[in-house]
Protein backbone atom coordinates (compact mmCIF):
# COMPACT_ATOMS: atom_id res chain seq x y z
CA MET A 1 -11.59 -3.20 -35.50
CA LYS A 2 -13.36 -4.90 -32.61
CA LYS A 3 -12.44 -3.56 -29.18
CA ILE A 4 -11.04 -6.01 -26.66
CA SER A 5 -11.39 -5.56 -22.93
CA PHE A 6 -8.07 -5.09 -21.18
CA PHE A 7 -9.29 -7.64 -18.64
CA LEU A 8 -9.39 -10.16 -21.49
CA ILE A 9 -6.42 -8.87 -23.45
CA ALA A 10 -4.31 -11.87 -22.54
CA LEU A 11 -6.11 -13.91 -25.20
CA SER A 12 -4.94 -11.82 -28.13
CA MET A 13 -1.79 -10.12 -26.90
CA THR A 14 1.81 -10.88 -27.64
CA PHE A 15 4.70 -10.37 -25.28
CA ALA A 16 6.23 -7.05 -26.33
CA SER A 17 9.96 -6.89 -26.83
CA CYS A 18 11.99 -6.28 -23.71
CA GLU A 19 15.19 -5.58 -25.57
CA ASN A 20 17.80 -4.11 -23.22
CA PHE A 21 15.41 -4.55 -20.29
CA LEU A 22 17.50 -5.62 -17.30
CA ASP A 23 20.22 -6.57 -19.81
CA GLU A 24 18.56 -9.92 -20.48
CA SER A 25 17.34 -11.57 -23.66
CA PRO A 26 14.17 -10.11 -25.17
CA SER A 27 10.80 -11.75 -24.64
CA SER A 28 9.56 -10.63 -28.03
CA LYS A 29 6.76 -12.43 -29.82
CA LEU A 30 5.70 -15.11 -27.39
CA PRO A 31 2.09 -15.23 -28.63
CA THR A 32 0.87 -18.49 -27.10
CA ASN A 33 1.58 -20.83 -24.27
CA THR A 34 3.48 -23.10 -26.68
CA ALA A 35 6.23 -20.46 -26.93
CA ILE A 36 7.44 -21.15 -23.39
CA THR A 37 9.60 -24.23 -23.69
CA SER A 38 12.47 -23.48 -21.32
CA VAL A 39 13.23 -21.72 -18.06
CA THR A 40 14.95 -19.02 -20.10
CA ASP A 41 11.72 -18.44 -22.06
CA LEU A 42 9.83 -18.28 -18.76
CA SER A 43 12.24 -15.73 -17.29
CA ASN A 44 12.01 -13.61 -20.44
CA ALA A 45 8.23 -13.75 -20.28
CA ILE A 46 8.40 -12.38 -16.73
CA ASN A 47 10.52 -9.50 -18.02
CA GLY A 48 7.67 -8.81 -20.42
CA VAL A 49 5.27 -8.42 -17.49
CA TYR A 50 7.50 -5.79 -15.86
CA TYR A 51 8.05 -4.05 -19.20
CA THR A 52 4.31 -3.32 -19.38
CA LEU A 53 4.54 -1.32 -16.16
CA VAL A 54 7.45 0.99 -17.04
CA ASN A 55 6.98 1.91 -20.67
CA GLU A 56 3.66 3.79 -20.61
CA GLN A 57 2.39 7.11 -19.25
CA TYR A 58 0.00 5.45 -16.84
CA GLY A 59 2.43 2.88 -15.49
CA LEU A 60 4.54 2.73 -12.36
CA ALA A 61 7.37 4.73 -13.92
CA GLY A 62 4.90 7.52 -14.60
CA ASP A 63 1.49 8.67 -13.43
CA MET A 64 0.54 5.63 -11.32
CA PHE A 65 3.63 6.04 -9.15
CA LEU A 66 2.91 9.71 -8.39
CA TYR A 67 -0.84 9.25 -7.95
CA ALA A 68 -0.83 9.34 -4.15
CA ASP A 69 1.41 12.41 -3.98
CA LEU A 70 -0.68 14.32 -6.49
CA LYS A 71 -3.92 13.59 -4.62
CA GLY A 72 -2.45 14.20 -1.16
CA THR A 73 -1.49 17.32 0.78
CA ASP A 74 2.05 18.17 -0.20
CA THR A 75 2.32 18.68 -3.96
CA LYS A 76 0.95 21.03 -6.55
CA TYR A 77 1.41 21.63 -10.24
CA ILE A 78 3.40 24.67 -11.32
CA SER A 79 2.31 24.22 -14.91
CA LYS A 80 -1.03 22.55 -15.60
CA GLY A 81 -0.12 20.59 -18.68
CA GLY A 82 -2.99 18.16 -18.38
CA HIS A 83 -0.77 15.10 -18.24
CA CYS A 84 -0.90 14.08 -14.57
CA SER A 85 -2.24 17.35 -13.12
CA TYR A 86 -5.84 16.17 -13.55
CA LEU A 87 -5.19 13.84 -10.63
CA SER A 88 -4.43 16.83 -8.41
CA ASP A 89 -7.77 18.33 -9.45
CA TYR A 90 -9.75 15.18 -8.58
CA GLN A 91 -11.35 15.60 -11.99
CA THR A 92 -11.03 12.15 -13.50
CA SER A 93 -14.21 10.46 -14.69
CA ALA A 94 -15.07 7.09 -16.17
CA ASN A 95 -14.25 8.43 -19.64
CA ASP A 96 -10.84 9.90 -18.81
CA GLY A 97 -7.39 8.60 -19.61
CA HIS A 98 -6.18 7.90 -16.09
CA PRO A 99 -8.73 5.29 -15.01
CA ASP A 100 -8.52 3.64 -18.42
CA GLY A 101 -4.72 3.78 -18.46
CA PHE A 102 -4.27 2.47 -14.92
CA TRP A 103 -6.75 -0.35 -15.52
CA SER A 104 -5.23 -1.33 -18.84
CA ASP A 105 -1.63 -1.34 -17.57
CA ILE A 106 -2.53 -3.50 -14.57
CA TYR A 107 -4.70 -5.97 -16.45
CA SER A 108 -2.38 -6.15 -19.46
CA ALA A 109 0.46 -7.08 -17.12
CA LEU A 110 -1.79 -9.61 -15.38
CA GLY A 111 -2.69 -11.07 -18.75
CA ARG A 112 0.97 -11.59 -19.52
CA ALA A 113 1.51 -13.20 -16.13
CA ASN A 114 -1.44 -15.55 -16.67
CA TYR A 115 -0.19 -16.55 -20.10
CA ALA A 116 3.23 -17.29 -18.66
CA ILE A 117 1.81 -19.38 -15.81
CA GLU A 118 -0.43 -21.41 -18.10
CA GLY A 119 2.24 -21.73 -20.76
CA ALA A 120 4.82 -23.05 -18.31
CA THR A 121 2.57 -25.26 -16.20
CA GLY A 122 3.41 -28.92 -16.81
CA MET A 123 6.53 -28.07 -18.78
CA THR A 124 9.25 -30.70 -18.72
CA VAL A 125 12.07 -29.20 -16.67
CA PRO A 126 15.61 -30.58 -16.44
CA THR A 127 16.61 -31.39 -12.87
CA ALA A 128 19.34 -28.74 -12.99
CA ASP A 129 16.72 -26.08 -13.82
CA GLN A 130 14.02 -27.11 -11.33
CA ALA A 131 14.90 -24.55 -8.64
CA ASP A 132 14.93 -21.72 -11.20
CA TYR A 133 11.63 -22.92 -12.65
CA ASP A 134 10.02 -23.02 -9.19
CA ASP A 135 11.40 -19.56 -8.43
CA ASN A 136 10.03 -18.09 -11.67
CA MET A 137 6.60 -19.62 -11.20
CA ALA A 138 6.51 -18.32 -7.62
CA GLU A 139 7.48 -14.86 -8.86
CA LEU A 140 4.53 -14.87 -11.25
CA HIS A 141 2.18 -15.59 -8.36
CA ALA A 142 3.80 -12.79 -6.35
CA ILE A 143 3.30 -10.45 -9.31
CA ARG A 144 -0.37 -11.40 -9.54
CA GLY A 145 -0.90 -10.69 -5.85
CA TRP A 146 1.00 -7.40 -5.99
CA LEU A 147 -0.81 -6.16 -9.11
CA HIS A 148 -4.23 -6.98 -7.71
CA PHE A 149 -3.25 -4.93 -4.66
CA GLN A 150 -2.17 -2.05 -6.91
CA GLY A 151 -5.54 -2.21 -8.62
CA ALA A 152 -7.47 -2.53 -5.39
CA ILE A 153 -6.07 0.64 -3.82
CA LEU A 154 -6.88 2.58 -7.00
CA PHE A 155 -10.37 1.26 -7.80
CA CYS A 156 -11.69 -0.01 -4.45
CA GLN A 157 -12.06 1.31 -0.92
CA ILE A 158 -9.16 0.56 1.41
CA PRO A 159 -10.31 -1.98 4.04
CA THR A 160 -9.49 0.20 7.07
CA VAL A 161 -11.68 3.13 5.97
CA THR A 162 -14.53 3.59 8.42
CA GLY A 163 -17.75 1.98 7.24
CA VAL A 164 -16.28 -0.19 4.50
CA ASP A 165 -18.21 -3.42 4.02
CA MET A 166 -15.66 -6.00 2.94
CA ASN A 167 -18.40 -8.37 1.84
CA ALA A 168 -20.47 -5.92 -0.20
CA ALA A 169 -21.20 -7.09 -3.71
CA ASN A 170 -18.95 -5.54 -6.39
CA SER A 171 -16.72 -3.85 -3.80
CA GLY A 172 -13.55 -5.49 -5.09
CA LEU A 173 -11.81 -6.15 -8.39
CA PRO A 174 -12.42 -8.68 -11.13
CA ILE A 175 -9.97 -11.46 -10.25
CA SER A 176 -7.58 -12.21 -13.11
CA ASP A 177 -6.31 -15.69 -12.29
CA LYS A 178 -6.33 -17.39 -15.70
CA VAL A 179 -6.42 -16.76 -19.44
CA PHE A 180 -10.05 -15.99 -20.25
CA PRO A 181 -12.00 -16.58 -23.48
CA VAL A 182 -12.94 -13.47 -25.45
CA ALA A 183 -16.64 -13.91 -24.70
CA TYR A 184 -16.09 -14.02 -20.91
CA GLN A 185 -17.95 -11.32 -18.96
CA PRO A 186 -15.94 -10.40 -15.85
CA THR A 187 -17.64 -9.39 -12.63
CA ARG A 188 -16.25 -7.68 -9.57
CA ALA A 189 -15.41 -9.74 -6.52
CA THR A 190 -16.00 -8.53 -2.98
CA LEU A 191 -13.19 -6.82 -1.10
CA THR A 192 -12.84 -9.91 1.07
CA GLU A 193 -12.40 -12.10 -2.01
CA THR A 194 -9.99 -9.61 -3.56
CA TYR A 195 -7.73 -9.39 -0.53
CA THR A 196 -7.94 -13.13 0.06
CA PHE A 197 -6.61 -13.62 -3.46
CA ILE A 198 -3.90 -10.98 -2.96
CA THR A 199 -2.60 -12.51 0.26
CA SER A 200 -2.95 -16.08 -0.99
CA GLU A 201 -0.88 -15.36 -4.11
CA LEU A 202 1.85 -13.60 -2.15
CA GLU A 203 1.89 -16.16 0.66
CA THR A 204 2.06 -18.99 -1.88
CA SER A 205 4.98 -17.32 -3.61
CA LEU A 206 7.01 -17.37 -0.39
CA LEU A 207 7.12 -21.16 -0.45
CA THR A 208 9.54 -21.33 -3.39
CA LEU A 209 10.73 -17.78 -4.14
CA SER A 210 14.49 -17.41 -4.07
CA LYS A 211 16.09 -15.16 -1.48
CA ASP A 212 18.82 -14.24 -3.94
CA ALA A 213 18.83 -10.67 -5.24
CA LYS A 214 17.04 -10.16 -8.56
CA SER A 215 17.52 -6.61 -9.78
CA GLY A 216 14.25 -5.18 -11.04
CA ARG A 217 12.27 -8.25 -10.02
CA ILE A 218 10.51 -9.71 -6.98
CA ASN A 219 12.42 -12.11 -4.74
CA TYR A 220 11.40 -13.64 -1.41
CA TRP A 221 12.21 -10.57 0.65
CA ALA A 222 10.44 -8.22 -1.76
CA ALA A 223 7.30 -10.36 -1.64
CA LYS A 224 7.41 -10.46 2.15
CA ALA A 225 7.88 -6.68 2.33
CA ILE A 226 4.94 -6.15 -0.04
CA LEU A 227 2.87 -8.48 2.14
CA SER A 228 3.72 -6.39 5.20
CA ARG A 229 2.30 -3.37 3.37
CA VAL A 230 -0.80 -5.30 2.29
CA TYR A 231 -1.47 -6.48 5.85
CA LEU A 232 -1.04 -2.92 7.15
CA TYR A 233 -3.65 -1.68 4.65
CA MET A 234 -5.94 -4.49 5.78
CA GLY A 235 -5.56 -3.55 9.44
CA ASN A 236 -3.86 -6.85 10.27
CA ASN A 237 -1.20 -5.26 12.45
CA ASN A 238 0.14 -8.51 13.86
CA LYS A 239 0.97 -9.88 10.42
CA ALA A 240 2.26 -6.52 9.19
CA LEU A 241 4.64 -6.31 12.14
CA GLU A 242 5.70 -9.97 11.88
CA TYR A 243 6.64 -9.71 8.22
CA ALA A 244 8.25 -6.28 8.47
CA ALA A 245 10.35 -7.38 11.45
CA ASP A 246 11.53 -10.46 9.55
CA VAL A 247 12.55 -8.38 6.52
CA ILE A 248 14.43 -5.94 8.74
CA ALA A 249 16.24 -8.66 10.64
CA ASN A 250 17.03 -11.13 7.88
CA SER A 251 16.85 -9.68 4.37
CA GLY A 252 20.39 -8.34 4.34
CA LYS A 253 19.12 -4.92 3.31
CA SER A 254 19.91 -1.90 5.47
CA LEU A 255 19.01 1.76 5.85
CA TYR A 256 20.86 4.45 3.97
CA THR A 257 23.11 6.45 6.24
CA ALA A 258 22.80 10.22 6.33
CA ALA A 259 26.07 10.46 4.42
CA GLU A 260 24.68 8.23 1.64
CA TYR A 261 21.21 9.69 1.46
CA THR A 262 21.76 12.53 -0.99
CA SER A 263 23.63 10.43 -3.56
CA VAL A 264 21.59 7.22 -3.74
CA TRP A 265 18.83 8.61 -5.93
CA SER A 266 20.96 8.52 -9.08
CA GLN A 267 21.82 4.86 -8.42
CA THR A 268 19.83 1.70 -9.03
CA PHE A 269 19.21 -1.36 -6.84
CA THR A 270 20.87 0.15 -3.79
CA LYS A 271 21.18 -1.17 -0.22
CA GLU A 272 17.64 -0.15 0.77
CA SER A 273 15.94 -1.30 -2.38
CA LEU A 274 13.85 -4.41 -1.85
CA PHE A 275 12.00 -4.00 -5.14
CA GLU A 276 12.35 -1.34 -7.79
CA LEU A 277 11.43 -1.50 -11.44
CA GLY A 278 14.21 -1.35 -14.00
CA VAL A 279 14.09 1.78 -16.15
CA THR A 280 16.74 2.48 -18.78
CA ASP A 281 17.42 5.09 -21.45
CA LEU A 282 15.58 2.82 -23.89
CA THR A 283 12.83 1.51 -21.62
CA ASN A 284 10.92 4.35 -19.99
CA ALA A 285 7.76 6.44 -20.20
CA GLN A 286 9.64 9.32 -21.87
CA ARG A 287 7.94 12.67 -21.20
CA ASN A 288 5.45 10.95 -18.94
CA SER A 289 8.22 9.66 -16.68
CA ILE A 290 8.27 10.54 -12.99
CA GLY A 291 11.42 12.63 -13.42
CA TYR A 292 9.91 14.71 -16.19
CA TYR A 293 6.92 15.58 -14.01
CA CYS A 294 9.17 16.58 -11.10
CA THR A 295 11.42 19.16 -12.75
CA PRO A 296 10.98 22.71 -14.04
CA GLU A 297 12.59 21.74 -17.34
CA GLY A 298 9.89 19.11 -17.86
CA TYR A 299 6.14 19.27 -17.31
CA ALA A 300 6.49 20.77 -13.82
CA GLU A 301 3.29 19.07 -12.65
CA CYS A 302 4.56 17.67 -9.35
CA ALA A 303 6.30 20.19 -7.10
CA ALA A 304 6.14 20.71 -3.34
CA THR A 305 3.67 23.14 -1.89
CA ASP A 306 5.10 26.12 -0.03
CA ALA A 307 3.79 24.61 3.21
CA PHE A 308 5.48 21.26 2.62
CA PHE A 309 8.74 22.90 1.63
CA ALA A 310 8.70 24.77 4.96
CA TYR A 311 7.82 21.55 6.81
CA ALA A 312 10.48 19.43 5.11
CA THR A 313 13.26 21.97 5.54
CA ALA A 314 12.47 23.02 9.12
CA ASP A 315 15.20 20.85 10.68
CA LEU A 316 18.49 21.48 8.91
CA ALA A 317 20.10 18.67 10.92
CA ASP A 318 17.86 16.25 9.04
CA VAL A 319 19.45 15.21 5.74
CA ARG A 320 15.99 14.99 4.19
CA SER A 321 15.81 18.78 4.37
CA THR A 322 18.17 18.83 1.39
CA MET A 323 15.85 16.78 -0.80
CA ILE A 324 13.62 19.67 -1.87
CA GLU A 325 15.05 22.75 -3.54
CA GLN A 326 13.78 25.83 -5.29
CA LYS A 327 14.48 25.49 -9.00
CA ILE A 328 13.67 27.32 -12.22
CA TYR A 329 14.16 26.57 -15.90
CA GLY A 330 15.28 29.80 -17.53
CA THR A 331 12.41 32.06 -16.57
CA LYS A 332 9.79 29.30 -16.34
CA ASN A 333 8.26 26.98 -13.76
CA GLN A 334 9.88 28.30 -10.61
CA GLY A 335 8.97 26.16 -7.64
CA TYR A 336 10.12 23.67 -5.01
CA TYR A 337 11.07 20.33 -6.52
CA THR A 338 12.24 16.99 -5.16
CA ASN A 339 15.82 15.83 -5.71
CA LYS A 340 14.78 12.17 -5.74
CA TYR A 341 14.66 11.96 -9.55
CA PRO A 342 17.94 13.36 -10.91
CA GLY A 343 18.30 10.61 -13.51
CA GLN A 344 20.49 7.55 -13.33
CA ALA A 345 24.22 8.14 -13.29
CA GLY A 346 25.44 8.09 -16.89
CA SER A 347 21.98 8.39 -18.39
CA THR A 348 21.62 10.24 -21.66
CA THR A 349 17.99 11.10 -20.82
CA PRO A 350 18.05 11.82 -17.08
CA THR A 351 14.52 13.23 -16.82
CA TYR A 352 13.19 10.02 -18.40
CA THR A 353 15.40 7.52 -16.61
CA ASN A 354 14.49 7.08 -12.94
CA SER A 355 13.64 3.66 -11.54
CA PRO A 356 10.61 3.76 -9.21
CA LYS A 357 11.36 2.25 -5.82
CA ILE A 358 8.28 0.14 -5.21
CA ILE A 359 9.31 -0.74 -1.66
CA ARG A 360 12.50 0.05 0.24
CA MET A 361 13.81 -0.61 3.70
CA SER A 362 12.81 2.76 5.15
CA GLU A 363 9.18 1.99 4.44
CA VAL A 364 9.49 -1.41 6.08
CA TYR A 365 10.77 0.25 9.27
CA LEU A 366 7.80 2.60 9.12
CA ILE A 367 5.38 -0.27 8.54
CA ALA A 368 6.78 -2.00 11.60
CA ALA A 369 6.49 1.19 13.65
CA GLU A 370 2.91 1.85 12.56
CA ALA A 371 1.80 -1.73 13.15
CA ALA A 372 3.40 -1.72 16.59
CA VAL A 373 1.92 1.63 17.61
CA LYS A 374 -1.49 0.28 16.58
CA GLY A 375 -1.10 -2.65 18.96
CA GLY A 376 0.45 -5.25 16.71
CA THR A 377 2.55 -7.95 18.34
CA ALA A 378 4.92 -10.50 16.82
CA THR A 379 7.69 -12.75 18.04
CA GLY A 380 11.06 -11.05 17.66
CA ALA A 381 9.58 -7.64 16.87
CA GLN A 382 10.64 -4.43 18.60
CA SER A 383 8.70 -1.41 19.84
CA ALA A 384 7.46 1.35 17.57
CA ALA A 385 10.00 3.71 19.14
CA PHE A 386 12.82 1.28 18.28
CA TYR A 387 12.01 1.42 14.56
CA ILE A 388 11.53 5.18 14.49
CA ASN A 389 14.74 5.78 16.44
CA LYS A 390 16.72 3.58 14.05
CA LEU A 391 15.41 5.50 11.06
CA ARG A 392 15.94 8.93 12.57
CA THR A 393 19.47 8.03 13.68
CA ASN A 394 20.25 7.49 10.01
CA ARG A 395 18.72 10.80 8.98
CA ILE A 396 19.29 13.38 11.71
CA ALA A 397 22.67 14.54 12.99
CA ALA A 398 23.20 14.12 16.76
CA TYR A 399 19.77 12.53 17.14
CA ALA A 400 18.73 11.47 20.65
CA ASP A 401 16.42 8.46 20.98
CA VAL A 402 12.87 9.00 22.22
CA PRO A 403 11.27 6.52 24.66
CA SER A 404 7.92 6.28 22.85
CA VAL A 405 6.10 7.43 19.73
CA THR A 406 2.49 8.02 18.70
CA LEU A 407 0.68 7.36 15.43
CA ASP A 408 1.07 11.06 14.64
CA ASP A 409 4.84 10.64 14.99
CA VAL A 410 4.83 7.71 12.59
CA MET A 411 2.69 9.59 10.06
CA ALA A 412 5.02 12.58 10.28
CA GLU A 413 7.99 10.32 9.63
CA ARG A 414 6.27 8.72 6.64
CA ARG A 415 5.46 12.16 5.29
CA LEU A 416 9.14 13.17 5.36
CA GLU A 417 10.78 9.90 4.36
CA LEU A 418 8.45 8.77 1.61
CA ALA A 419 7.63 12.12 -0.02
CA PHE A 420 7.25 11.87 -3.81
CA GLU A 421 7.29 8.06 -3.64
CA GLY A 422 3.58 7.36 -3.95
CA HIS A 423 2.26 7.12 -0.37
CA ARG A 424 0.84 10.30 1.16
CA PHE A 425 -2.77 10.13 -0.06
CA PHE A 426 -3.11 6.43 0.80
CA ASP A 427 -1.63 7.03 4.27
CA LEU A 428 -4.24 9.67 5.01
CA VAL A 429 -7.22 7.78 3.62
CA ARG A 430 -6.45 4.42 5.22
CA ASN A 431 -6.02 6.13 8.60
CA ASN A 432 -9.35 7.94 8.27
CA ILE A 433 -7.76 11.39 8.29
CA THR A 434 -9.62 14.27 6.66
CA PHE A 435 -7.09 16.43 4.84
CA ASP A 436 -6.71 19.55 2.72
CA ASN A 437 -5.67 19.03 -0.87
CA PRO A 438 -4.08 22.25 -2.20
CA VAL A 439 -6.34 22.27 -5.27
CA VAL A 440 -9.75 21.03 -4.10
CA GLY A 441 -9.64 21.76 -0.37
CA SER A 442 -11.02 19.40 2.28
CA VAL A 443 -11.22 15.69 1.38
CA VAL A 444 -12.80 13.08 3.65
CA PRO A 445 -11.73 9.42 3.37
CA THR A 446 -15.26 8.42 2.33
CA ASP A 447 -15.40 10.92 -0.56
CA TYR A 448 -16.33 8.97 -3.69
CA ARG A 449 -13.37 10.53 -5.50
CA VAL A 450 -10.80 8.77 -3.32
CA ILE A 451 -11.21 5.78 -5.63
CA MET A 452 -11.16 5.81 -9.41
CA ALA A 453 -14.08 5.15 -11.69
CA ILE A 454 -14.21 1.82 -13.48
CA PRO A 455 -13.31 2.86 -17.05
CA GLN A 456 -16.37 3.31 -19.24
CA ARG A 457 -14.50 1.63 -22.08
CA GLU A 458 -14.36 -1.56 -20.02
CA ARG A 459 -18.01 -1.34 -19.08
CA ASP A 460 -19.05 -0.80 -22.69
CA ILE A 461 -17.36 -4.07 -23.56
CA ALA A 462 -18.27 -5.86 -20.33
CA PRO A 463 -21.57 -4.43 -18.97
CA SER A 464 -21.31 -6.94 -16.12
CA LEU A 465 -18.75 -4.64 -14.47
CA VAL A 466 -20.56 -2.53 -11.86
CA GLN A 467 -19.46 1.10 -11.63
CA ASN A 468 -18.20 2.66 -8.39
CA PRO A 469 -20.83 4.78 -6.60
CA LEU A 470 -21.52 8.35 -7.84
CA TYR A 471 -19.50 8.04 -11.06
């Protein structure tokens, strides 16, 4: 059977069934653009895009979500099962499963999004459905921007790393902005072109995205929060602060209180959640789910280091000190594990069923603080200390406000608040911080291994794709 590049997979794919996904109608068997004839079809097709990202080992309900924790400073594997532990070892090559899996999940989802956009463009829409149609089409553009960003931070240098040439040939991703013919040979854009596409898609989506809550999907406030993260990674601190401040002030979302903090992790679509993917007992990555990696009764490949356990539990007045505990399964896999993935309340498969929080309000406060401490300014924004004090007040008993904070303070707060949520490695690299990984030792932000290899499978099919240096 002829191999098909995942970049081009949109041409031959069908929308996989999303039965029970978000409790909406399935999007099964929508093979061509002629299958989208109503706003309901369009909405179901969007569910199919999200389904791609939660039902596989390498998706955002599995290895991709934990990538930055595994490659950072604060986790280790207790049992090296070879599922996600290879990421901790920095051992992935162009022929390994992780680059291929990450690439295929991202570009398969993009292929579905492109098919939906092209299939629904020009569709006759009843007046009563026009607002929903515009919202769905905007969401697809937001998805395309977000997924290109996910790909860029995995396979390309982050723009703020010292010495990065944003205009270097083949420094970015292949841009997936349409359904391509099978014979098409993709090439890599520059980083400038890649991030221009990312921001353009997300900015465009804001024009017609609904502000209404959409559980498991991107609405206006989710897109704006994602944009604040993108701008922070780009070093555009003014925009990062502007968008984060707007989300904080106007989205209607709020920080968990200390009293709520320990119980929210078994719940879905909570008060902080701007965007999380919907995982259910029937739609999950099974033994490659984030919860299964983070428990001694599972693969035990993502536990806290002794040093991070000591760091995270040093202040017993901080509710986050309760989020890591020593656990053991019978006589096996003793270690320090996060309590962020206990399984959804009522789940029959709790280690499989944890919805990844793609972006939540705590991170937006931290984005605002970091952008402000780096000199960002925006109308209506507050100081970096304001955002840090608000967060700490909701985490630490009898907390007293501080008058000012440094970048080190913000990084320390990110380390505590966002542990096991896919941030630590990226935070260190994008801030040009050399760090010690518990497996491989010292890592500098310019180490070639801080980005993934372009999968050899893709390059065999599309030799026009230039490999990342030293792979």
